[in-house]
């Protein structure tokens, strides 16, 4: 604002304005207040234009709308300051003859520069924010990958799987072969899907079927599983390993017994995957990172702007709702 105010006074009054320090200061103070008020008006005009064309990619379209409006406003601004000087008698210098349109031209040039500067700063902030969000997302995926690998190499999970497999080999070789096949599918999926942004629900359902098969072989009648997902819903997308995180949290935070089975119901309602399960309070809960994994899943949804994960819990039941995304929405 300072060089803008000084230059505007020099254009209007020429060298006369600097012959008296008192007059220069008075003119400077008057025009500063006046132009600052106009600057605020320019800002108020820019806000609705920015809201109408908010995208960073529409920078030049937004500027193309702003500048003609600002040029017209500059005509009013210059005529207003001339009127102000002539009626307040704060400056004894006469306004130079024929200088009005030169002052308007200068005002338009300054408006152009200030508009590009403001838009450049705003877009830089958006770019910087985008970089920060991208970095957060990258860190979240690294964290997610680590948590996924925990499920893969977790000593409890591996020990239980191999212990069950060992028992099946002695009892039923055919079941042992089936168990090993499902175990291989689980670990293959964990390795393949960690670096993808979204995967079809169909893939997650197949993974969950294999994962729950391993769990079912261990707990037998201690766990009951119901899965009802329509074929048309299976084409929708969600972040990879979402179901693993939820199911792992359910298995390791609830007590499981044959007398009081853990009930798990998986369904889709209105583009939302619902994983409902009965609550069986566990007296001793081992810290296996399952709660951390669920928090991580909630944050991942936020960062991907894929919706909001809902967790509703009562004394006897908990429901975890994961929004599903259509493929066309991801493309947009």
Foldseek 3Di string as FASTA:
>chain_A
DQVLLLVLVCLFFNPLQVPDPQLVVLSSVVSVVLVVVVVVVLVVVLVVLCVVVVDLVCLVVSLVVSLVVQLVVLLVSLVVVLVVCVPPVSHPGHTDPPSSVVSSVSSSVVVSVVSCVVSVVVSVVVVVVVVVLVVVLVVLLVVLLVLLVCCVVVPVNVVLLVVLLVVCVVPPVVVSVVLVVLNVLLVVLSVPQSPDAKDFQLSVVSNVVSVVVSVCSRQVQQAEEAEDEDPVLRRWIDRPCLVVLVVVLQVQQADTDNVHHKYWYWYDDPQKIKIKIWHHGDPDGDPSCSVVSNVSRQVSCVSVVVDGWDWDDDPTMIMIIHGTHHPVVVVD
